[in-house]
Amino acid sequence: MAWLSPLNQRRLRNFKANRRAVWSLWVFSILFGLSLCAEIIANDKPILVKYQDGYYTPFRAFIPKRPLVATSGPRRSTVMLKFNASLSRAV
């Protein structure tokens, strides 16, 4: 603590002697650290998605909805019917 002036050394000793102040500093430091991650914690995109044996992380990169919809094969009509039905309800 040689880099602190004698007055600041005394202030630091007084602060460390106050246990409530030290605990409050820790609590506010943790809350501040969590607030830095607020965009990841509270957003409208899921953090991890499992779809057709694959894992996707939409919060890191844009994943378009179209490639996830089947465009050919026997499931195409079922998927497109469900997709169109959801569009008609949204309007």
PDB file of N, CA and C in Angstrom:
ATOM      1  N   MET A   1       0.814  -1.196   0.000  1.00  0.00           N
ATOM      2  CA  MET A   1       0.000   0.000   0.000  1.00  0.00           C
ATOM      3  C   MET A   1       0.854   1.255   0.000  1.00  0.00           C
ATOM      4  N   ALA A   2       2.089   1.125  -0.435  1.00  0.00           N
ATOM      5  CA  ALA A   2       2.978   2.282  -0.455  1.00  0.00           C
ATOM      6  C   ALA A   2       2.534   3.309  -1.489  1.00  0.00           C
ATOM      7  N   TRP A   3       1.748   2.903  -2.448  1.00  0.00           N
ATOM      8  CA  TRP A   3       1.320   3.827  -3.489  1.00  0.00           C
ATOM      9  C   TRP A   3       0.145   4.689  -3.052  1.00  0.00           C
ATOM     10  N   LEU A   4      -0.429   4.409  -1.888  1.00  0.00           N
ATOM     11  CA  LEU A   4      -1.509   5.232  -1.346  1.00  0.00           C
ATOM     12  C   LEU A   4      -0.957   6.271  -0.372  1.00  0.00           C
ATOM     13  N   SER A   5      -1.596   7.404  -0.369  1.00  0.00           N
ATOM     14  CA  SER A   5      -1.209   8.425   0.605  1.00  0.00           C
ATOM     15  C   SER A   5      -1.652   7.973   2.000  1.00  0.00           C
ATOM     16  N   PRO A   6      -1.067   8.530   3.051  1.00  0.00           N
ATOM     17  CA  PRO A   6      -1.474   8.126   4.405  1.00  0.00           C
ATOM     18  C   PRO A   6      -2.964   8.334   4.674  1.00  0.00           C
ATOM     19  N   LEU A   7      -3.540   9.380   4.119  1.00  0.00           N
ATOM     20  CA  LEU A   7      -4.968   9.625   4.305  1.00  0.00           C
ATOM     21  C   LEU A   7      -5.799   8.525   3.640  1.00  0.00           C
ATOM     22  N   ASN A   8      -5.424   8.133   2.413  1.00  0.00           N
ATOM     23  CA  ASN A   8      -6.149   7.075   1.714  1.00  0.00           C
ATOM     24  C   ASN A   8      -5.933   5.718   2.361  1.00  0.00           C
ATOM     25  N   GLN A   9      -4.765   5.490   2.929  1.00  0.00           N
ATOM     26  CA  GLN A   9      -4.527   4.244   3.666  1.00  0.00           C
ATOM     27  C   GLN A   9      -5.480   4.140   4.859  1.00  0.00           C
ATOM     28  N   ARG A  10      -5.651   5.249   5.553  1.00  0.00           N
ATOM     29  CA  ARG A  10      -6.574   5.267   6.694  1.00  0.00           C
ATOM     30  C   ARG A  10      -8.008   5.027   6.233  1.00  0.00           C
ATOM     31  N   ARG A  11      -8.379   5.652   5.140  1.00  0.00           N
ATOM     32  CA  ARG A  11      -9.740   5.447   4.591  1.00  0.00           C
ATOM     33  C   ARG A  11      -9.959   3.982   4.215  1.00  0.00           C
ATOM     34  N   LEU A  12      -8.963   3.368   3.598  1.00  0.00           N
ATOM     35  CA  LEU A  12      -9.080   1.963   3.210  1.00  0.00           C
ATOM     36  C   LEU A  12      -9.196   1.057   4.441  1.00  0.00           C
ATOM     37  N   ARG A  13      -8.427   1.339   5.485  1.00  0.00           N
ATOM     38  CA  ARG A  13      -8.531   0.563   6.727  1.00  0.00           C
ATOM     39  C   ARG A  13      -9.921   0.701   7.338  1.00  0.00           C
ATOM     40  N   ASN A  14     -10.448   1.917   7.337  1.00  0.00           N
ATOM     41  CA  ASN A  14     -11.796   2.130   7.876  1.00  0.00           C
ATOM     42  C   ASN A  14     -12.842   1.389   7.050  1.00  0.00           C
ATOM     43  N   PHE A  15     -12.657   1.394   5.740  1.00  0.00           N
ATOM     44  CA  PHE A  15     -13.608   0.684   4.873  1.00  0.00           C
ATOM     45  C   PHE A  15     -13.562  -0.818   5.141  1.00  0.00           C
ATOM     46  N   LYS A  16     -12.367  -1.381   5.240  1.00  0.00           N
ATOM     47  CA  LYS A  16     -12.228  -2.819   5.487  1.00  0.00           C
ATOM     48  C   LYS A  16     -12.754  -3.210   6.869  1.00  0.00           C
ATOM     49  N   ALA A  17     -12.716  -2.282   7.812  1.00  0.00           N
ATOM     50  CA  ALA A  17     -13.226  -2.571   9.153  1.00  0.00           C
ATOM     51  C   ALA A  17     -14.751  -2.639   9.172  1.00  0.00           C
ATOM     52  N   ASN A  18     -15.384  -1.995   8.235  1.00  0.00           N
ATOM     53  CA  ASN A  18     -16.849  -1.997   8.147  1.00  0.00           C
ATOM     54  C   ASN A  18     -17.274  -3.206   7.310  1.00  0.00           C
ATOM     55  N   ARG A  19     -17.701  -4.274   7.981  1.00  0.00           N
ATOM     56  CA  ARG A  19     -18.050  -5.522   7.270  1.00  0.00           C
ATOM     57  C   ARG A  19     -19.235  -5.347   6.338  1.00  0.00           C
ATOM     58  N   ARG A  20     -20.199  -4.540   6.739  1.00  0.00           N
ATOM     59  CA  ARG A  20     -21.366  -4.319   5.897  1.00  0.00           C
ATOM     60  C   ARG A  20     -20.960  -3.652   4.580  1.00  0.00           C
ATOM     61  N   ALA A  21     -20.020  -2.751   4.645  1.00  0.00           N
ATOM     62  CA  ALA A  21     -19.551  -2.070   3.429  1.00  0.00           C
ATOM     63  C   ALA A  21     -18.829  -3.049   2.499  1.00  0.00           C
ATOM     64  N   VAL A  22     -18.037  -3.938   3.063  1.00  0.00           N
ATOM     65  CA  VAL A  22     -17.309  -4.914   2.244  1.00  0.00           C
ATOM     66  C   VAL A  22     -18.280  -5.875   1.579  1.00  0.00           C
ATOM     67  N   TRP A  23     -19.271  -6.369   2.326  1.00  0.00           N
ATOM     68  CA  TRP A  23     -20.283  -7.251   1.740  1.00  0.00           C
ATOM     69  C   TRP A  23     -21.081  -6.537   0.658  1.00  0.00           C
ATOM     70  N   SER A  24     -21.421  -5.288   0.882  1.00  0.00           N
ATOM     71  CA  SER A  24     -22.161  -4.522  -0.117  1.00  0.00           C
ATOM     72  C   SER A  24     -21.342  -4.346  -1.389  1.00  0.00           C
ATOM     73  N   LEU A  25     -20.051  -4.105  -1.233  1.00  0.00           N
ATOM     74  CA  LEU A  25     -19.176  -3.992  -2.409  1.00  0.00           C
ATOM     75  C   LEU A  25     -19.185  -5.280  -3.215  1.00  0.00           C
ATOM     76  N   TRP A  26     -19.108  -6.428  -2.531  1.00  0.00           N
ATOM     77  CA  TRP A  26     -19.150  -7.710  -3.238  1.00  0.00           C
ATOM     78  C   TRP A  26     -20.485  -7.935  -3.943  1.00  0.00           C
ATOM     79  N   VAL A  27     -21.572  -7.641  -3.255  1.00  0.00           N
ATOM     80  CA  VAL A  27     -22.904  -7.844  -3.854  1.00  0.00           C
ATOM     81  C   VAL A  27     -23.071  -6.956  -5.081  1.00  0.00           C
ATOM     82  N   PHE A  28     -22.724  -5.685  -4.968  1.00  0.00           N
ATOM     83  CA  PHE A  28     -22.869  -4.787  -6.114  1.00  0.00           C
ATOM     84  C   PHE A  28     -21.913  -5.152  -7.252  1.00  0.00           C
ATOM     85  N   SER A  29     -20.743  -5.665  -6.917  1.00  0.00           N
ATOM     86  CA  SER A  29     -19.809  -6.101  -7.964  1.00  0.00           C
ATOM     87  C   SER A  29     -20.376  -7.288  -8.740  1.00  0.00           C
ATOM     88  N   ILE A  30     -20.983  -8.235  -8.027  1.00  0.00           N
ATOM     89  CA  ILE A  30     -21.586  -9.392  -8.694  1.00  0.00           C
ATOM     90  C   ILE A  30     -22.778  -8.960  -9.546  1.00  0.00           C
ATOM     91  N   LEU A  31     -23.615  -8.094  -9.012  1.00  0.00           N
ATOM     92  CA  LEU A  31     -24.759  -7.610  -9.792  1.00  0.00           C
ATOM     93  C   LEU A  31     -24.304  -6.836 -11.026  1.00  0.00           C
ATOM     94  N   PHE A  32     -23.249  -6.062 -10.903  1.00  0.00           N
ATOM     95  CA  PHE A  32     -22.711  -5.340 -12.055  1.00  0.00           C
ATOM     96  C   PHE A  32     -22.196  -6.313 -13.101  1.00  0.00           C
ATOM     97  N   GLY A  33     -21.497  -7.370 -12.649  1.00  0.00           N
ATOM     98  CA  GLY A  33     -21.013  -8.380 -13.590  1.00  0.00           C
ATOM     99  C   GLY A  33     -22.148  -9.082 -14.318  1.00  0.00           C
ATOM    100  N   LEU A  34     -23.235  -9.380 -13.604  1.00  0.00           N
ATOM    101  CA  LEU A  34     -24.403  -9.992 -14.251  1.00  0.00           C
ATOM    102  C   LEU A  34     -25.061  -9.033 -15.234  1.00  0.00           C
ATOM    103  N   SER A  35     -25.055  -7.755 -14.915  1.00  0.00           N
ATOM    104  CA  SER A  35     -25.685  -6.788 -15.824  1.00  0.00           C
ATOM    105  C   SER A  35     -24.917  -6.667 -17.138  1.00  0.00           C
ATOM    106  N   LEU A  36     -23.643  -6.985 -17.125  1.00  0.00           N
ATOM    107  CA  LEU A  36     -22.876  -6.969 -18.372  1.00  0.00           C
ATOM    108  C   LEU A  36     -23.312  -8.091 -19.313  1.00  0.00           C
ATOM    109  N   CYS A  37     -23.871  -9.155 -18.753  1.00  0.00           N
ATOM    110  CA  CYS A  37     -24.353 -10.282 -19.559  1.00  0.00           C
ATOM    111  C   CYS A  37     -25.862 -10.215 -19.777  1.00  0.00           C
ATOM    112  N   ALA A  38     -26.481  -9.093 -19.517  1.00  0.00           N
ATOM    113  CA  ALA A  38     -27.938  -8.982 -19.592  1.00  0.00           C
ATOM    114  C   ALA A  38     -28.475  -9.247 -20.997  1.00  0.00           C
ATOM    115  N   GLU A  39     -27.737  -8.895 -22.026  1.00  0.00           N
ATOM    116  CA  GLU A  39     -28.198  -9.130 -23.396  1.00  0.00           C
ATOM    117  C   GLU A  39     -28.337 -10.618 -23.698  1.00  0.00           C
ATOM    118  N   ILE A  40     -27.508 -11.429 -23.084  1.00  0.00           N
ATOM    119  CA  ILE A  40     -27.580 -12.877 -23.306  1.00  0.00           C
ATOM    120  C   ILE A  40     -28.634 -13.501 -22.402  1.00  0.00           C
ATOM    121  N   ILE A  41     -28.717 -13.024 -21.166  1.00  0.00           N
ATOM    122  CA  ILE A  41     -29.631 -13.617 -20.189  1.00  0.00           C
ATOM    123  C   ILE A  41     -31.090 -13.319 -20.527  1.00  0.00           C
ATOM    124  N   ALA A  42     -31.408 -12.080 -20.846  1.00  0.00           N
ATOM    125  CA  ALA A  42     -32.806 -11.683 -21.063  1.00  0.00           C
ATOM    126  C   ALA A  42     -32.985 -11.130 -22.466  1.00  0.00           C
ATOM    127  N   ASN A  43     -33.186 -12.016 -23.432  1.00  0.00           N
ATOM    128  CA  ASN A  43     -33.487 -11.585 -24.789  1.00  0.00           C
ATOM    129  C   ASN A  43     -34.582 -12.462 -25.362  1.00  0.00           C
ATOM    130  N   ASP A  44     -34.948 -12.219 -26.607  1.00  0.00           N
ATOM    131  CA  ASP A  44     -36.049 -12.966 -27.199  1.00  0.00           C
ATOM    132  C   ASP A  44     -35.583 -14.181 -27.997  1.00  0.00           C
ATOM    133  N   LYS A  45     -34.291 -14.452 -28.002  1.00  0.00           N
ATOM    134  CA  LYS A  45     -33.770 -15.615 -28.717  1.00  0.00           C
ATOM    135  C   LYS A  45     -33.328 -16.675 -27.708  1.00  0.00           C
ATOM    136  N   PRO A  46     -33.573 -17.938 -28.007  1.00  0.00           N
ATOM    137  CA  PRO A  46     -33.110 -18.990 -27.099  1.00  0.00           C
ATOM    138  C   PRO A  46     -31.593 -19.119 -27.150  1.00  0.00           C
ATOM    139  N   ILE A  47     -31.011 -19.591 -26.077  1.00  0.00           N
ATOM    140  CA  ILE A  47     -29.555 -19.749 -26.021  1.00  0.00           C
ATOM    141  C   ILE A  47     -29.120 -20.993 -26.797  1.00  0.00           C
ATOM    142  N   LEU A  48     -29.874 -22.099 -26.658  1.00  0.00           N
ATOM    143  CA  LEU A  48     -29.521 -23.345 -27.333  1.00  0.00           C
ATOM    144  C   LEU A  48     -30.795 -24.022 -27.821  1.00  0.00           C
ATOM    145  N   VAL A  49     -30.776 -24.487 -29.074  1.00  0.00           N
ATOM    146  CA  VAL A  49     -31.932 -25.153 -29.671  1.00  0.00           C
ATOM    147  C   VAL A  49     -31.478 -26.485 -30.244  1.00  0.00           C
ATOM    148  N   LYS A  50     -32.237 -27.547 -29.950  1.00  0.00           N
ATOM    149  CA  LYS A  50     -31.972 -28.842 -30.576  1.00  0.00           C
ATOM    150  C   LYS A  50     -33.082 -29.084 -31.585  1.00  0.00           C
ATOM    151  N   TYR A  51     -32.694 -29.275 -32.857  1.00  0.00           N
ATOM    152  CA  TYR A  51     -33.669 -29.480 -33.919  1.00  0.00           C
ATOM    153  C   TYR A  51     -33.109 -30.511 -34.881  1.00  0.00           C
ATOM    154  N   GLN A  52     -33.827 -31.591 -35.088  1.00  0.00           N
ATOM    155  CA  GLN A  52     -33.454 -32.672 -35.993  1.00  0.00           C
ATOM    156  C   GLN A  52     -32.008 -33.118 -35.776  1.00  0.00           C
ATOM    157  N   ASP A  53     -31.701 -33.548 -34.587  1.00  0.00           N
ATOM    158  CA  ASP A  53     -30.379 -34.063 -34.204  1.00  0.00           C
ATOM    159  C   ASP A  53     -29.246 -33.066 -34.422  1.00  0.00           C
ATOM    160  N   GLY A  54     -29.555 -31.795 -34.376  1.00  0.00           N
ATOM    161  CA  GLY A  54     -28.523 -30.765 -34.485  1.00  0.00           C
ATOM    162  C   GLY A  54     -28.744 -29.709 -33.424  1.00  0.00           C
ATOM    163  N   TYR A  55     -27.674 -29.126 -32.969  1.00  0.00           N
ATOM    164  CA  TYR A  55     -27.761 -28.061 -31.971  1.00  0.00           C
ATOM    165  C   TYR A  55     -27.453 -26.729 -32.638  1.00  0.00           C
ATOM    166  N   TYR A  56     -28.255 -25.728 -32.325  1.00  0.00           N
ATOM    167  CA  TYR A  56     -28.081 -24.391 -32.878  1.00  0.00           C
ATOM    168  C   TYR A  56     -28.010 -23.384 -31.737  1.00  0.00           C
ATOM    169  N   THR A  57     -27.227 -22.352 -31.919  1.00  0.00           N
ATOM    170  CA  THR A  57     -27.117 -21.278 -30.931  1.00  0.00           C
ATOM    171  C   THR A  57     -27.535 -19.975 -31.592  1.00  0.00           C
ATOM    172  N   PRO A  58     -28.823 -19.670 -31.581  1.00  0.00           N
ATOM    173  CA  PRO A  58     -29.317 -18.489 -32.287  1.00  0.00           C
ATOM    174  C   PRO A  58     -28.843 -17.166 -31.710  1.00  0.00           C
ATOM    175  N   PHE A  59     -28.443 -17.113 -30.450  1.00  0.00           N
ATOM    176  CA  PHE A  59     -28.027 -15.839 -29.883  1.00  0.00           C
ATOM    177  C   PHE A  59     -26.666 -15.409 -30.427  1.00  0.00           C
ATOM    178  N   ARG A  60     -25.866 -16.335 -30.961  1.00  0.00           N
ATOM    179  CA  ARG A  60     -24.544 -15.977 -31.489  1.00  0.00           C
ATOM    180  C   ARG A  60     -24.584 -15.609 -32.959  1.00  0.00           C
ATOM    181  N   ALA A  61     -25.448 -16.232 -33.734  1.00  0.00           N
ATOM    182  CA  ALA A  61     -25.475 -15.989 -35.179  1.00  0.00           C
ATOM    183  C   ALA A  61     -26.912 -16.068 -35.671  1.00  0.00           C
ATOM    184  N   PHE A  62     -27.186 -15.443 -36.799  1.00  0.00           N
ATOM    185  CA  PHE A  62     -28.515 -15.471 -37.391  1.00  0.00           C
ATOM    186  C   PHE A  62     -28.734 -16.816 -38.072  1.00  0.00           C
ATOM    187  N   ILE A  63     -29.830 -17.482 -37.728  1.00  0.00           N
ATOM    188  CA  ILE A  63     -30.198 -18.741 -38.359  1.00  0.00           C
ATOM    189  C   ILE A  63     -31.543 -18.509 -39.047  1.00  0.00           C
ATOM    190  N   PRO A  64     -31.583 -18.527 -40.367  1.00  0.00           N
ATOM    191  CA  PRO A  64     -32.846 -18.275 -41.056  1.00  0.00           C
ATOM    192  C   PRO A  64     -33.852 -19.395 -40.811  1.00  0.00           C
ATOM    193  N   LYS A  65     -35.133 -19.054 -40.857  1.00  0.00           N
ATOM    194  CA  LYS A  65     -36.178 -20.043 -40.597  1.00  0.00           C
ATOM    195  C   LYS A  65     -36.393 -20.963 -41.787  1.00  0.00           C
ATOM    196  N   ARG A  66     -36.162 -20.509 -42.977  1.00  0.00           N
ATOM    197  CA  ARG A  66     -36.437 -21.309 -44.167  1.00  0.00           C
ATOM    198  C   ARG A  66     -35.665 -22.626 -44.237  1.00  0.00           C
ATOM    199  N   PRO A  67     -34.343 -22.686 -43.953  1.00  0.00           N
ATOM    200  CA  PRO A  67     -33.658 -23.981 -44.051  1.00  0.00           C
ATOM    201  C   PRO A  67     -34.172 -25.016 -43.051  1.00  0.00           C
ATOM    202  N   LEU A  68     -34.821 -24.580 -41.979  1.00  0.00           N
ATOM    203  CA  LEU A  68     -35.333 -25.526 -41.010  1.00  0.00           C
ATOM    204  C   LEU A  68     -36.655 -26.147 -41.452  1.00  0.00           C
ATOM    205  N   VAL A  69     -37.308 -25.571 -42.464  1.00  0.00           N
ATOM    206  CA  VAL A  69     -38.572 -26.092 -42.969  1.00  0.00           C
ATOM    207  C   VAL A  69     -38.270 -27.075 -44.094  1.00  0.00           C
ATOM    208  N   ALA A  70     -38.903 -28.255 -44.056  1.00  0.00           N
ATOM    209  CA  ALA A  70     -38.686 -29.259 -45.097  1.00  0.00           C
ATOM    210  C   ALA A  70     -39.238 -28.743 -46.417  1.00  0.00           C
ATOM    211  N   THR A  71     -38.429 -28.813 -47.480  1.00  0.00           N
ATOM    212  CA  THR A  71     -38.868 -28.311 -48.786  1.00  0.00           C
ATOM    213  C   THR A  71     -39.165 -29.427 -49.760  1.00  0.00           C
ATOM    214  N   SER A  72     -38.840 -30.663 -49.422  1.00  0.00           N
ATOM    215  CA  SER A  72     -39.151 -31.778 -50.304  1.00  0.00           C
ATOM    216  C   SER A  72     -39.377 -33.020 -49.457  1.00  0.00           C
ATOM    217  N   GLY A  73     -39.919 -34.044 -50.102  1.00  0.00           N
ATOM    218  CA  GLY A  73     -40.140 -35.297 -49.396  1.00  0.00           C
ATOM    219  C   GLY A  73     -41.545 -35.393 -48.831  1.00  0.00           C
ATOM    220  N   PRO A  74     -41.833 -36.486 -48.137  1.00  0.00           N
ATOM    221  CA  PRO A  74     -43.188 -36.733 -47.654  1.00  0.00           C
ATOM    222  C   PRO A  74     -43.630 -35.765 -46.550  1.00  0.00           C
ATOM    223  N   ARG A  75     -42.706 -35.160 -45.843  1.00  0.00           N
ATOM    224  CA  ARG A  75     -43.092 -34.273 -44.749  1.00  0.00           C
ATOM    225  C   ARG A  75     -43.380 -32.857 -45.231  1.00  0.00           C
ATOM    226  N   ARG A  76     -43.077 -32.548 -46.497  1.00  0.00           N
ATOM    227  CA  ARG A  76     -43.212 -31.178 -46.976  1.00  0.00           C
ATOM    228  C   ARG A  76     -44.629 -30.655 -46.815  1.00  0.00           C
ATOM    229  N   SER A  77     -45.614 -31.430 -47.212  1.00  0.00           N
ATOM    230  CA  SER A  77     -46.994 -30.949 -47.163  1.00  0.00           C
ATOM    231  C   SER A  77     -47.441 -30.716 -45.718  1.00  0.00           C
ATOM    232  N   THR A  78     -47.068 -31.599 -44.823  1.00  0.00           N
ATOM    233  CA  THR A  78     -47.450 -31.443 -43.423  1.00  0.00           C
ATOM    234  C   THR A  78     -46.802 -30.203 -42.821  1.00  0.00           C
ATOM    235  N   VAL A  79     -45.529 -30.031 -43.072  1.00  0.00           N
ATOM    236  CA  VAL A  79     -44.815 -28.885 -42.521  1.00  0.00           C
ATOM    237  C   VAL A  79     -45.370 -27.597 -43.104  1.00  0.00           C
ATOM    238  N   MET A  80     -45.586 -27.554 -44.405  1.00  0.00           N
ATOM    239  CA  MET A  80     -46.079 -26.327 -45.032  1.00  0.00           C
ATOM    240  C   MET A  80     -47.510 -26.021 -44.584  1.00  0.00           C
ATOM    241  N   LEU A  81     -48.339 -27.051 -44.361  1.00  0.00           N
ATOM    242  CA  LEU A  81     -49.685 -26.814 -43.860  1.00  0.00           C
ATOM    243  C   LEU A  81     -49.641 -26.201 -42.472  1.00  0.00           C
ATOM    244  N   LYS A  82     -48.770 -26.729 -41.615  1.00  0.00           N
ATOM    245  CA  LYS A  82     -48.637 -26.171 -40.277  1.00  0.00           C
ATOM    246  C   LYS A  82     -48.110 -24.742 -40.339  1.00  0.00           C
ATOM    247  N   PHE A  83     -47.157 -24.506 -41.251  1.00  0.00           N
ATOM    248  CA  PHE A  83     -46.579 -23.169 -41.387  1.00  0.00           C
ATOM    249  C   PHE A  83     -47.639 -22.180 -41.891  1.00  0.00           C
ATOM    250  N   ASN A  84     -48.415 -22.578 -42.883  1.00  0.00           N
ATOM    251  CA  ASN A  84     -49.465 -21.698 -43.404  1.00  0.00           C
ATOM    252  C   ASN A  84     -50.559 -21.468 -42.378  1.00  0.00           C
ATOM    253  N   ALA A  85     -50.883 -22.496 -41.586  1.00  0.00           N
ATOM    254  CA  ALA A  85     -51.910 -22.336 -40.563  1.00  0.00           C
ATOM    255  C   ALA A  85     -51.453 -21.342 -39.494  1.00  0.00           C
ATOM    256  N   SER A  86     -50.176 -21.389 -39.142  1.00  0.00           N
ATOM    257  CA  SER A  86     -49.686 -20.452 -38.146  1.00  0.00           C
ATOM    258  C   SER A  86     -49.677 -19.035 -38.703  1.00  0.00           C
ATOM    259  N   LEU A  87     -49.450 -18.884 -40.004  1.00  0.00           N
ATOM    260  CA  LEU A  87     -49.482 -17.548 -40.622  1.00  0.00           C
ATOM    261  C   LEU A  87     -50.904 -16.995 -40.640  1.00  0.00           C
ATOM    262  N   SER A  88     -51.884 -17.856 -40.930  1.00  0.00           N
ATOM    263  CA  SER A  88     -53.257 -17.386 -40.992  1.00  0.00           C
ATOM    264  C   SER A  88     -53.768 -16.962 -39.606  1.00  0.00           C
ATOM    265  N   ARG A  89     -53.292 -17.633 -38.545  1.00  0.00           N
ATOM    266  CA  ARG A  89     -53.688 -17.235 -37.195  1.00  0.00           C
ATOM    267  C   ARG A  89     -53.042 -15.923 -36.794  1.00  0.00           C
ATOM    268  N   ALA A  90     -51.855 -15.645 -37.303  1.00  0.00           N
ATOM    269  CA  ALA A  90     -51.142 -14.421 -36.913  1.00  0.00           C
ATOM    270  C   ALA A  90     -51.775 -13.183 -37.532  1.00  0.00           C
ATOM    271  N   VAL A  91     -52.473 -13.348 -38.629  1.00  0.00           N
ATOM    272  CA  VAL A  91     -53.071 -12.190 -39.319  1.00  0.00           C
ATOM    273  C   VAL A  91     -54.389 -11.859 -38.771  1.00  0.00           C
TER     274      VAL A  91
END
